[in-house]
Each structure stands twice: as C-alpha cells, then as structure tokens.
Amino acid sequence: MVMHGDFSTRLRDAIGTRSLHHVERISGVNRKTVRVLLRGDRKLRGHVDTIEAIAKAVGVSPGWLAFGEGNMQPTEEVSSVEI
C-alpha cells in the first residue's frame, strides 16, 4: 500500500491555489478549521464529516485525503450498465 504524505500535506495538495476563504465557501467548513488542519492538528483529523466536506468540495477522494490511500481523484460508481 502506497501512502501519500501526511494529512496536512495531502490537504495542501488538494486545496492547491484556492484561498481559505474559497475553501470555506465551497465546503461549508470554517476557514479557521481548515487552517488548523493545515497545521497538522490531529484532534480535528477525527472529524469525518469535515474531511469529507472538504474533499468533495475540492474534488478529491475522501479516503485519499483522510488516510492517503487509493487515488487522489474520486472514482465514479457505476450505477447501471447500458447494453
């Protein structure tokens, strides 16, 4: 299993060039919380809803962001197959 850096590094990569204000607006997560997560505060890392909201807002896989597992980009679930 390949791990992709620590949480704060993955979060920084996921946010890219977006401002904290923009991340707050698109995710609904307070920018102060995002700033704390970027600093590597492990207490907040356990908040699954927060991590999932940020991941979805910036277009990365929640599993990748939280644990560094799998692909950075989310995979699409196939709900039906056309024949």
Protein backbone atom coordinates (compact mmCIF):
# COMPACT_ATOMS: atom_id res chain seq x y z
CA MET A 1 0.00 0.00 0.00
CA VAL A 2 1.39 3.39 -1.03
CA MET A 3 0.86 6.23 1.44
CA HIS A 4 0.77 9.76 0.06
CA GLY A 5 2.42 12.04 2.64
CA ASP A 6 0.86 13.18 5.87
CA PHE A 7 -2.63 14.61 6.20
CA SER A 8 -1.66 18.28 6.15
CA THR A 9 0.46 17.75 3.01
CA ARG A 10 -2.43 16.00 1.25
CA LEU A 11 -4.80 18.76 2.32
CA ARG A 12 -2.41 21.40 0.98
CA ASP A 13 -2.14 19.48 -2.31
CA ALA A 14 -5.93 19.14 -2.54
CA ILE A 15 -6.55 22.83 -1.88
CA GLY A 16 -3.92 23.85 -4.41
CA THR A 17 -4.09 27.55 -5.23
CA ARG A 18 -7.56 28.09 -3.72
CA SER A 19 -7.79 30.60 -0.88
CA LEU A 20 -9.00 29.50 2.55
CA HIS A 21 -11.97 31.83 2.05
CA HIS A 22 -12.86 29.98 -1.16
CA VAL A 23 -12.48 26.57 0.50
CA GLU A 24 -14.74 27.76 3.32
CA ARG A 25 -17.35 28.96 0.83
CA ILE A 26 -17.43 25.79 -1.27
CA SER A 27 -17.13 23.28 1.59
CA GLY A 28 -19.02 24.95 4.41
CA VAL A 29 -16.04 24.30 6.71
CA ASN A 30 -14.84 27.36 8.63
CA ARG A 31 -11.51 28.63 7.29
CA LYS A 32 -10.08 28.64 10.84
CA THR A 33 -10.75 24.90 10.99
CA VAL A 34 -9.06 24.43 7.61
CA ARG A 35 -6.07 26.45 8.84
CA VAL A 36 -5.79 24.24 11.95
CA LEU A 37 -5.95 21.14 9.75
CA LEU A 38 -3.21 22.55 7.52
CA ARG A 39 -1.03 22.93 10.61
CA GLY A 40 -1.47 19.24 11.34
CA ASP A 41 -3.66 19.35 14.46
CA ARG A 42 -4.52 15.68 14.94
CA LYS A 43 -7.52 16.43 17.19
CA LEU A 44 -9.56 17.65 14.23
CA ARG A 45 -8.47 14.86 11.92
CA GLY A 46 -11.05 12.56 13.51
CA HIS A 47 -13.92 14.66 12.20
CA VAL A 48 -15.03 12.57 9.27
CA ASP A 49 -17.78 14.97 8.16
CA THR A 50 -15.32 17.88 7.99
CA ILE A 51 -12.77 15.94 5.98
CA GLU A 52 -15.45 14.57 3.66
CA ALA A 53 -16.92 18.05 3.06
CA ILE A 54 -13.51 19.48 2.16
CA ALA A 55 -12.65 16.51 -0.07
CA LYS A 56 -15.90 16.73 -2.01
CA ALA A 57 -15.62 20.50 -2.37
CA VAL A 58 -12.10 20.38 -3.82
CA GLY A 59 -12.72 17.25 -5.91
CA VAL A 60 -10.56 14.64 -4.21
CA SER A 61 -11.33 11.26 -2.72
CA PRO A 62 -12.22 11.46 1.00
CA GLY A 63 -10.25 8.25 1.64
CA TRP A 64 -7.18 9.68 -0.04
CA LEU A 65 -7.43 12.94 1.88
CA ALA A 66 -8.03 11.29 5.26
CA PHE A 67 -5.67 8.32 5.03
CA GLY A 68 -3.53 8.71 1.91
CA GLU A 69 -4.91 5.51 0.46
CA GLY A 70 -6.07 4.96 -3.09
CA ASN A 71 -6.27 7.59 -5.81
CA MET A 72 -6.41 11.31 -5.22
CA GLN A 73 -9.27 11.67 -7.70
CA PRO A 74 -12.53 10.02 -6.64
CA THR A 75 -13.72 7.07 -8.67
CA GLU A 76 -17.17 7.16 -10.16
CA GLU A 77 -19.56 4.46 -9.10
CA VAL A 78 -21.26 2.67 -11.93
CA SER A 79 -24.94 2.60 -11.13
CA SER A 80 -26.10 0.96 -14.34
CA VAL A 81 -24.69 -0.51 -17.47
CA GLU A 82 -26.21 0.23 -20.85
CA ILE A 83 -26.31 -2.65 -23.29
